[in-house]
Amino acid sequence: ITAIIDLGQKLHVVNKYGHEHSKHYSDMFKYIDLIIVDEIDRLKVQHLEQLRAIYDEHNLAMIFIGMPGIEKKLSRYPQLYSRIGFAHEFDNLSKDETHHILEYKWQDLGFDLKLEDFTDYEAITTIIKITKGNFRLIHRLFAQIDRIMDINGLDKISTEVVETARDSLVIGIR
């Protein structure tokens, strides 16, 4: 985090005072090989231009992460878009991948997942129905499941716990 804040401060100095401070600007990229930008769809045009300039000047690899449709938005900026090697849209998790994640989440809460246990089976079925393989939603749902179980002193994930967790999220499905 400190490195990111430091990078942001140095970029601010360059933007505000111009290239008389560019030596410091160049030095900060000496040990950086990769820049990962999450929520690229929330950046303004001038920030996208800044990333393009950094890419051009320092030949750094960059990964942009954004919501579906970001490729179309970036295509409106040909100077930046021409430098994008490829775009990949992640699909929802498969049934097997979802089961693997759920098994991990169960263990993370200190429980063993037993599909032969009807309560576990029902809870898993409900989670799969709610999340439809959306990894981020699974993560958010389990944060609520953990909170609800902790508050109520529960030692088993049940359909009721899952549905209560779902009801505490803003996910637009019922």
Foldseek 3Di string as FASTA:
>chain_A
DVLVVVLVVLVVCCVVVNCVSCVVVVVSCPPAAEEEAEAPVPDDPVVLVVVLVCCVVPVHHYHYHHDPPVLVVCVVPVSNNVPDPDDDDDDADDPVRLVVVVQVLCVVLPHGQDCVPVFSVQLSVLLCVLCVRPPVVSVQLSVQLSVVCVVVVHDDRGNVSSVVSVVVDDDPDD
